[in-house]
């Protein structure tokens, strides 16, 4: 049997920022012999084969979530990231579609991982089928298969006559395109900050989003390392941006890396293995990481 395709919940374009001249980065992972620093290409980590496969779909349609939804979001986010890597380029000057893609990308990093999909599955089992189906109404034209009814209402009516378990991946499109979350993220002030003078470089992980406890407070913030020496910052007000960027670079790196490593479930990533001891003391704690997830 052929292997299922790799579905990266930590996108390749994002991990490439940590890759060296040989194209590889360092994956820190706890194994039987302890935490190991493994050189790997971005394509070789942060994935589960067939993660977004739609069960029961016709051949050629089973991977539509990955090939249409995730690919579209990641492609636009990759363009946004390229702009953010230019010194002096304000993230707020992104093209509208690239900015939208970046917002969806940020949220997708919270909800597209295997553990969150499992939690979604457990939650869906507690809801009425009709209530669950309403979550995919807007996205139905994009995920409709040739054998499905032409309209969502027809699909819903047929489904309720013979209900089956709804896979969590079918709700994922509506989740990552959440207008409520995107509006909140788009309303924040965006900036990037470099930490070139810091002794150590920034890490990332399979839980790379650092977020304040709630996004409604005036000092709310979101941080995301976007390279070993640059961090993306989104805040509700300018004062919070200044309070973060005014910190010494070493303090920023230490605070970000500490949270990134403690949030990780399986993997922490770096550009080299110099922080193996640092990661070993923190990985696996799986501390709280997001009020949205």
Protein backbone atom coordinates (compact mmCIF):
# COMPACT_ATOMS: atom_id res chain seq x y z
CA UNK A 1 0.00 0.00 0.00
CA UNK A 2 1.36 3.47 -0.86
CA UNK A 3 2.05 5.76 2.08
CA UNK A 4 -0.30 8.60 2.89
CA UNK A 5 1.12 12.03 1.94
CA UNK A 6 2.82 14.15 4.58
CA UNK A 7 0.56 16.82 6.05
CA UNK A 8 2.66 19.40 7.86
CA UNK A 9 0.96 21.03 10.83
CA UNK A 10 4.16 23.09 11.15
CA UNK A 11 4.57 24.33 7.56
CA UNK A 12 7.77 23.81 5.62
CA UNK A 13 8.07 27.47 4.57
CA UNK A 14 8.05 28.49 8.24
CA UNK A 15 10.67 25.95 9.39
CA UNK A 16 12.93 26.87 6.47
CA UNK A 17 13.81 30.07 8.32
CA UNK A 18 15.84 27.94 10.76
CA UNK A 19 17.59 25.88 8.08
CA UNK A 20 21.35 26.27 7.62
CA UNK A 21 23.45 26.26 4.46
CA UNK A 22 22.93 22.51 4.11
CA UNK A 23 19.16 23.04 4.16
CA UNK A 24 18.69 21.38 7.54
CA UNK A 25 17.59 22.61 10.95
CA UNK A 26 17.81 20.95 14.36
CA UNK A 27 14.82 19.06 15.74
CA UNK A 28 14.87 18.58 19.52
CA UNK A 29 12.71 15.65 20.60
CA UNK A 30 12.49 13.50 23.74
CA UNK A 31 13.29 9.89 22.93
CA UNK A 32 14.18 6.80 24.95
CA UNK A 33 17.73 8.02 25.57
CA UNK A 34 16.63 11.51 26.52
CA UNK A 35 16.25 14.67 24.45
CA UNK A 36 18.04 14.29 21.13
CA UNK A 37 19.13 17.04 18.72
CA UNK A 38 18.50 15.63 15.24
CA UNK A 39 19.49 17.42 12.02
CA UNK A 40 16.63 17.23 9.53
CA UNK A 41 15.22 18.98 6.52
CA UNK A 42 12.04 21.05 7.13
CA UNK A 43 10.12 18.48 5.09
CA UNK A 44 11.18 15.75 7.52
CA UNK A 45 9.49 16.96 10.69
CA UNK A 46 6.30 18.55 12.04
CA UNK A 47 3.96 16.34 10.03
CA UNK A 48 1.55 13.42 10.29
CA UNK A 49 0.81 11.34 7.21
CA UNK A 50 -2.78 11.80 6.08
CA UNK A 51 -3.58 14.11 9.01
CA UNK A 52 -6.22 16.08 7.07
CA UNK A 53 -7.64 13.18 5.08
CA UNK A 54 -11.43 13.21 4.69
CA UNK A 55 -12.66 9.67 5.40
CA UNK A 56 -15.17 8.24 2.97
CA UNK A 57 -14.23 10.64 0.19
CA UNK A 58 -13.94 9.73 -3.46
CA UNK A 59 -10.40 9.03 -4.72
CA UNK A 60 -8.73 12.34 -5.51
CA UNK A 61 -10.93 14.28 -3.09
CA UNK A 62 -9.73 12.86 0.22
CA UNK A 63 -6.88 15.35 0.61
CA UNK A 64 -8.77 18.49 -0.41
CA UNK A 65 -8.29 20.10 3.03
CA UNK A 66 -4.52 19.96 2.56
CA UNK A 67 -4.34 20.68 -1.17
CA UNK A 68 -6.83 23.55 -1.22
CA UNK A 69 -7.30 25.04 2.26
CA UNK A 70 -3.93 24.63 3.97
CA UNK A 71 -1.94 25.20 0.79
CA UNK A 72 -3.79 28.45 0.08
CA UNK A 73 -3.27 29.77 3.62
CA UNK A 74 0.39 28.76 3.72
CA UNK A 75 1.15 30.21 0.28
CA UNK A 76 -0.24 33.61 1.24
CA UNK A 77 1.43 33.48 4.66
CA UNK A 78 4.75 32.64 2.99
CA UNK A 79 4.48 35.81 0.89
CA UNK A 80 3.69 37.82 4.02
CA UNK A 81 6.68 36.32 5.82
CA UNK A 82 9.02 37.31 2.99
CA UNK A 83 7.94 40.93 3.43
CA UNK A 84 8.42 40.72 7.19
CA UNK A 85 12.01 39.57 6.77
CA UNK A 86 12.95 42.85 5.07
CA UNK A 87 14.54 45.34 7.48
CA UNK A 88 12.39 48.42 7.92
CA UNK A 89 9.39 46.84 6.19
CA UNK A 90 6.29 47.37 8.32
CA UNK A 91 4.06 44.24 8.48
CA UNK A 92 1.03 46.53 8.32
CA UNK A 93 1.84 47.32 4.66
CA UNK A 94 0.96 43.83 3.47
CA UNK A 95 -1.43 43.33 0.59
CA UNK A 96 -4.96 42.60 1.85
CA UNK A 97 -4.97 38.94 0.80
CA UNK A 98 -1.50 38.33 2.25
CA UNK A 99 -2.55 39.96 5.53
CA UNK A 100 -5.66 37.77 5.60
CA UNK A 101 -3.52 34.72 4.92
CA UNK A 102 -1.19 35.71 7.77
CA UNK A 103 -4.12 36.03 10.21
CA UNK A 104 -5.44 32.62 9.19
CA UNK A 105 -1.94 31.17 9.39
CA UNK A 106 -1.50 32.43 12.97
CA UNK A 107 -4.75 30.83 14.04
CA UNK A 108 -4.07 27.66 12.09
CA UNK A 109 -0.87 27.10 14.08
CA UNK A 110 -3.12 26.74 17.13
CA UNK A 111 -5.84 24.49 15.69
CA UNK A 112 -4.28 22.37 12.93
CA UNK A 113 -2.10 20.09 15.10
CA UNK A 114 -2.99 16.43 15.82
CA UNK A 115 -3.83 16.99 19.49
CA UNK A 116 -6.29 19.78 18.75
CA UNK A 117 -8.00 17.71 16.06
CA UNK A 118 -8.43 14.97 18.65
CA UNK A 119 -9.98 17.43 21.11
CA UNK A 120 -12.29 18.65 18.36
CA UNK A 121 -13.38 15.07 17.69
CA UNK A 122 -14.22 14.58 21.36
CA UNK A 123 -16.19 17.84 21.44
CA UNK A 124 -18.11 17.04 18.26
CA UNK A 125 -19.36 13.83 19.84
CA UNK A 126 -21.18 15.91 22.47
CA UNK A 127 -23.02 18.10 19.94
CA UNK A 128 -26.13 17.55 17.86
CA UNK A 129 -25.29 16.62 14.21
CA UNK A 130 -27.27 19.57 12.82
CA UNK A 131 -25.41 21.99 15.06
CA UNK A 132 -22.07 20.59 13.93
CA UNK A 133 -23.00 20.75 10.24
CA UNK A 134 -23.82 24.45 10.46
CA UNK A 135 -20.10 25.06 11.04
CA UNK A 136 -19.33 24.10 7.45
CA UNK A 137 -22.22 25.95 5.73
CA UNK A 138 -20.07 28.80 4.34
CA UNK A 139 -17.27 26.50 3.24
CA UNK A 140 -19.50 23.83 1.70
CA UNK A 141 -18.89 24.91 -1.94
CA UNK A 142 -15.13 24.50 -1.39
CA UNK A 143 -15.24 21.04 0.21
CA UNK A 144 -18.25 19.66 -1.68
CA UNK A 145 -17.45 16.43 -3.51
CA UNK A 146 -18.94 15.44 -6.88
CA UNK A 147 -21.25 12.90 -5.22
CA UNK A 148 -22.59 15.45 -2.70
CA UNK A 149 -25.85 17.42 -3.20
CA UNK A 150 -25.53 20.77 -4.95
CA UNK A 151 -26.59 22.89 -1.98
CA UNK A 152 -25.68 22.76 1.68
CA UNK A 153 -29.31 22.54 2.78
CA UNK A 154 -29.82 19.45 0.61
CA UNK A 155 -26.64 17.96 2.05
CA UNK A 156 -27.78 18.67 5.60
CA UNK A 157 -31.23 17.20 5.01
CA UNK A 158 -29.77 14.00 3.55
CA UNK A 159 -27.21 13.72 6.32
CA UNK A 160 -29.77 14.08 9.13
CA UNK A 161 -31.83 11.25 7.64
CA UNK A 162 -28.84 8.95 8.01
CA UNK A 163 -26.35 10.60 10.40
CA UNK A 164 -22.81 9.31 10.74
CA UNK A 165 -19.86 10.53 12.75
CA UNK A 166 -18.57 13.88 11.45
CA UNK A 167 -14.76 13.89 11.22
CA UNK A 168 -13.14 16.84 12.97
CA UNK A 169 -11.09 17.64 9.88
CA UNK A 170 -14.32 18.54 8.03
CA UNK A 171 -14.89 21.40 10.50
CA UNK A 172 -11.30 22.62 10.21
CA UNK A 173 -11.89 24.90 7.17
CA UNK A 174 -14.55 26.91 8.98
CA UNK A 175 -12.39 27.05 12.08
CA UNK A 176 -9.24 28.49 10.50
CA UNK A 177 -11.33 30.94 8.47
CA UNK A 178 -13.15 32.17 11.58
CA UNK A 179 -14.19 35.75 10.84
CA UNK A 180 -14.33 36.52 14.56
CA UNK A 181 -10.73 35.48 15.19
CA UNK A 182 -9.44 37.05 11.97
CA UNK A 183 -11.09 40.37 12.83
CA UNK A 184 -9.40 40.39 16.24
CA UNK A 185 -5.97 39.55 14.80
CA UNK A 186 -6.35 42.10 11.99
CA UNK A 187 -7.27 44.83 14.49
CA UNK A 188 -3.97 44.46 16.37
CA UNK A 189 -0.88 46.56 15.66
CA UNK A 190 1.78 44.45 13.94
CA UNK A 191 5.55 44.78 14.20
CA UNK A 192 8.72 42.75 13.87
CA UNK A 193 11.76 43.02 16.11
CA UNK A 194 15.28 41.74 15.54
CA UNK A 195 17.50 40.27 18.26
CA UNK A 196 20.79 40.13 16.36
CA UNK A 197 22.90 41.08 19.38
CA UNK A 198 21.56 38.31 21.64
CA UNK A 199 23.96 35.54 22.63
CA UNK A 200 21.52 32.82 21.67
CA UNK A 201 19.12 32.56 18.74
CA UNK A 202 15.35 32.18 18.88
CA UNK A 203 13.81 28.72 18.97
CA UNK A 204 10.43 27.61 17.69
CA UNK A 205 8.34 24.50 18.29
CA UNK A 206 5.18 22.59 17.45
CA UNK A 207 3.37 25.18 19.62
CA UNK A 208 5.03 28.36 18.33
CA UNK A 209 2.36 30.94 19.20
CA UNK A 210 2.90 32.82 22.47
CA UNK A 211 -0.27 34.56 23.57
CA UNK A 212 -1.50 36.57 26.52
CA UNK A 213 -4.34 35.11 28.58
CA UNK A 214 -7.15 36.52 26.47
CA UNK A 215 -7.11 39.03 23.65
CA UNK A 216 -9.61 41.54 24.98
CA UNK A 217 -7.34 43.17 27.60
CA UNK A 218 -5.61 46.40 26.68
CA UNK A 219 -2.16 44.81 27.09
CA UNK A 220 -3.02 41.73 25.00
CA UNK A 221 -0.27 40.40 22.74
CA UNK A 222 0.77 37.63 20.36
CA UNK A 223 4.38 36.67 19.69
CA UNK A 224 5.74 34.32 17.03
CA UNK A 225 9.41 33.69 16.28
CA UNK A 226 9.72 33.99 12.49
CA UNK A 227 13.46 33.34 12.23
CA UNK A 228 16.38 32.72 14.59
CA UNK A 229 16.84 36.48 14.94
CA UNK A 230 13.42 37.99 14.34
CA UNK A 231 10.10 37.86 16.17
CA UNK A 232 6.63 38.89 15.00
CA UNK A 233 4.66 40.95 17.52
CA UNK A 234 0.95 41.78 17.50
CA UNK A 235 -0.44 43.96 20.29
CA UNK A 236 -3.60 45.85 21.08
CA UNK A 237 -1.76 49.12 21.77
CA UNK A 238 1.55 50.81 21.01
CA UNK A 239 2.61 50.86 24.66
CA UNK A 240 2.72 47.06 24.80
CA UNK A 241 4.89 46.97 21.66
CA UNK A 242 7.32 49.44 23.23
CA UNK A 243 7.44 47.52 26.51
CA UNK A 244 8.43 44.36 24.62
CA UNK A 245 10.90 45.86 22.18
CA UNK A 246 12.60 47.97 24.85
CA UNK A 247 13.77 44.84 26.65
CA UNK A 248 17.42 43.80 26.10
CA UNK A 249 17.70 41.30 23.25
CA UNK A 250 19.05 38.58 25.54
CA UNK A 251 16.02 38.97 27.83
CA UNK A 252 13.61 38.74 24.89
CA UNK A 253 15.29 35.60 23.57
CA UNK A 254 15.35 33.98 27.00
CA UNK A 255 11.67 34.73 27.67
CA UNK A 256 10.52 33.61 24.21
CA UNK A 257 12.62 30.43 24.18
CA UNK A 258 11.55 29.50 27.69
CA UNK A 259 7.86 29.69 26.75
CA UNK A 260 8.32 28.09 23.33
CA UNK A 261 10.14 25.07 24.79
CA UNK A 262 7.70 24.60 27.67
CA UNK A 263 4.68 24.80 25.35
CA UNK A 264 6.05 22.16 22.98
CA UNK A 265 4.32 18.80 22.82
CA UNK A 266 6.85 16.85 20.78
CA UNK A 267 9.28 19.09 18.94
CA UNK A 268 11.40 22.17 19.53
CA UNK A 269 13.37 23.54 16.58
CA UNK A 270 16.57 25.56 16.36
CA UNK A 271 19.28 26.51 13.89
CA UNK A 272 21.92 24.57 15.85
CA UNK A 273 22.26 22.23 18.84
CA UNK A 274 23.81 24.78 21.22
CA UNK A 275 20.65 24.98 23.33
CA UNK A 276 20.21 21.24 23.87
CA UNK A 277 20.60 21.52 27.64
CA UNK A 278 18.17 24.46 27.78
CA UNK A 279 15.54 22.56 25.77
CA UNK A 280 16.07 19.30 27.70
CA UNK A 281 15.03 20.99 30.95
CA UNK A 282 11.80 22.37 29.47
CA UNK A 283 10.42 20.22 26.67
CA UNK A 284 7.55 17.99 27.66
CA UNK A 285 6.03 20.29 30.27
CA UNK A 286 3.26 21.16 27.81
CA UNK A 287 2.27 24.33 29.64
CA UNK A 288 -0.86 26.22 28.62
CA UNK A 289 -0.31 28.02 25.33
CA UNK A 290 -3.52 29.48 23.95
CA UNK A 291 -6.95 30.66 25.10
CA UNK A 292 -8.21 30.05 21.55
CA UNK A 293 -7.25 26.40 21.31
